[in-house]
Amino acid sequence: MKQRRVVVTGLGVVTPLGHDPDVFYNNLLDGVSGISEINAFDCAEFPTRIAGEIKSFSTDGWVAPKFSRRMDKFMLYLLTAGKKALVDAGITEDVKDELDKAKCGVLIGSAMGGMQ
C-alpha cells in the first residue's frame, strides 16, 4: 500500500474547555473540568443535571445570522470550528480557489448530533 502524508495546517475548536486551540490545550493540561450544571434548558425532570456544556458561544463573524437561527447548535459548533481551522491555516478566499480540493479537507468531530 502506498503511504500518503497528512499535514495538519490549521486548528479550530469549540469545546467546554475553550473556543481557541491554545486556551483549550492549556485548560486540558491544567486539568480544568468542562463539566458543570446544565444551564441551556430545564433539566429538573432528568436524573442528570451536569454535562460538558459549551458556554459563551457566538457565531458572530463565522456563520450568517440567517443560518444561526435555523440550525441546531451542534451544526453551528461544527461550522465555526471548521472555519476557525481554515483561518488558522491561512486559507483565504484567494487560496481556496487555487487548492486541489481532491487533496484537502476539514475533519470535524462531535460526540453527539442534534438534541433539539
Protein backbone atom coordinates (compact mmCIF):
# COMPACT_ATOMS: atom_id res chain seq x y z
CA MET A 1 0.00 0.00 0.00
CA LYS A 2 1.32 3.42 -0.92
CA GLN A 3 1.88 5.63 2.12
CA ARG A 4 0.47 9.13 1.99
CA ARG A 5 1.47 12.05 4.13
CA VAL A 6 -1.14 14.03 6.05
CA VAL A 7 -0.32 17.56 7.16
CA VAL A 8 -2.42 19.48 9.69
CA THR A 9 -2.21 23.15 8.80
CA GLY A 10 -4.92 24.70 10.98
CA LEU A 11 -6.90 24.07 14.15
CA GLY A 12 -10.28 25.27 15.33
CA VAL A 13 -12.16 24.20 18.45
CA VAL A 14 -15.48 24.84 20.15
CA THR A 15 -15.48 22.97 23.47
CA PRO A 16 -16.48 23.33 27.11
CA LEU A 17 -12.76 23.96 27.80
CA GLY A 18 -12.44 26.86 25.39
CA HIS A 19 -13.00 28.09 21.86
CA ASP A 20 -9.36 28.72 20.98
CA PRO A 21 -6.82 25.89 20.47
CA ASP A 22 -4.29 27.38 22.92
CA VAL A 23 -6.89 28.02 25.63
CA PHE A 24 -8.36 24.53 25.12
CA TYR A 25 -4.95 22.84 25.28
CA ASN A 26 -3.79 24.77 28.34
CA ASN A 27 -7.04 24.03 30.17
CA LEU A 28 -6.64 20.37 29.26
CA LEU A 29 -3.06 20.31 30.59
CA ASP A 30 -4.09 22.19 33.75
CA GLY A 31 -6.81 19.63 34.48
CA VAL A 32 -9.65 22.13 34.13
CA SER A 33 -13.04 20.42 34.01
CA GLY A 34 -15.58 21.44 31.42
CA ILE A 35 -18.32 19.68 33.38
CA SER A 36 -20.84 21.90 35.16
CA GLU A 37 -24.53 22.28 35.88
CA ILE A 38 -26.66 22.49 32.75
CA ASN A 39 -27.96 26.00 32.07
CA ALA A 40 -29.20 25.68 28.47
CA PHE A 41 -32.54 24.14 29.45
CA ASP A 42 -34.54 23.00 32.46
CA CYS A 43 -33.29 19.53 33.29
CA ALA A 44 -35.23 19.07 36.54
CA GLU A 45 -37.09 16.05 35.12
CA PHE A 46 -33.86 14.24 34.21
CA PRO A 47 -31.65 12.19 36.53
CA THR A 48 -28.51 14.02 35.37
CA ARG A 49 -28.12 17.75 35.76
CA ILE A 50 -24.48 18.10 34.77
CA ALA A 51 -22.78 17.98 31.37
CA GLY A 52 -19.94 19.32 29.28
CA GLU A 53 -22.00 22.26 28.09
CA ILE A 54 -20.50 24.77 25.65
CA LYS A 55 -20.96 28.21 27.15
CA SER A 56 -20.37 31.79 25.95
CA PHE A 57 -20.50 30.69 22.33
CA SER A 58 -21.15 33.11 19.48
CA THR A 59 -21.36 32.58 15.74
CA ASP A 60 -20.70 36.29 15.05
CA GLY A 61 -18.34 36.58 12.12
CA TRP A 62 -18.41 32.84 11.45
CA VAL A 63 -21.96 31.92 10.45
CA ALA A 64 -24.55 34.17 8.83
CA PRO A 65 -27.30 35.21 11.28
CA LYS A 66 -29.96 33.72 8.97
CA PHE A 67 -28.35 30.27 9.32
CA SER A 68 -27.64 30.71 13.03
CA ARG A 69 -31.35 30.98 13.73
CA ARG A 70 -32.23 27.88 11.68
CA MET A 71 -29.51 25.39 12.55
CA ASP A 72 -29.16 23.09 15.50
CA LYS A 73 -26.37 24.09 17.87
CA PHE A 74 -24.09 21.17 17.02
CA MET A 75 -24.03 22.28 13.37
CA LEU A 76 -23.12 25.82 14.43
CA TYR A 77 -20.28 24.43 16.56
CA LEU A 78 -19.01 22.36 13.62
CA LEU A 79 -19.17 25.20 11.12
CA THR A 80 -17.50 27.65 13.47
CA ALA A 81 -14.68 25.27 14.40
CA GLY A 82 -14.12 24.36 10.74
CA LYS A 83 -13.97 28.00 9.66
CA LYS A 84 -11.60 28.79 12.53
CA ALA A 85 -9.34 25.97 11.34
CA LEU A 86 -9.31 27.39 7.80
CA VAL A 87 -8.38 30.84 9.11
CA ASP A 88 -5.68 29.31 11.34
CA ALA A 89 -4.27 27.56 8.26
CA GLY A 90 -4.20 30.83 6.31
CA ILE A 91 -6.77 29.61 3.80
CA THR A 92 -8.21 32.82 2.35
CA GLU A 93 -10.76 33.09 -0.46
CA ASP A 94 -7.90 33.51 -2.96
CA VAL A 95 -6.12 30.42 -1.66
CA LYS A 96 -9.35 28.37 -1.73
CA ASP A 97 -9.66 28.94 -5.48
CA GLU A 98 -6.14 27.58 -6.04
CA LEU A 99 -6.43 24.46 -3.85
CA ASP A 100 -6.67 20.97 -5.32
CA LYS A 101 -9.86 20.08 -3.46
CA ALA A 102 -9.31 16.37 -4.10
CA LYS A 103 -6.25 16.58 -1.82
CA CYS A 104 -7.54 18.63 1.10
CA GLY A 105 -10.34 18.55 3.62
CA VAL A 106 -11.60 19.52 7.04
CA LEU A 107 -12.00 16.85 9.71
CA ILE A 108 -14.79 17.59 12.17
CA GLY A 109 -15.83 15.53 15.16
CA SER A 110 -18.79 15.63 17.51
CA ALA A 111 -19.76 13.41 20.44
CA MET A 112 -23.46 13.76 19.65
CA GLY A 113 -25.72 15.12 16.99
CA GLY A 114 -28.60 17.49 17.48
CA MET A 115 -30.66 17.11 20.61
CA GLN A 116 -33.42 19.51 19.63
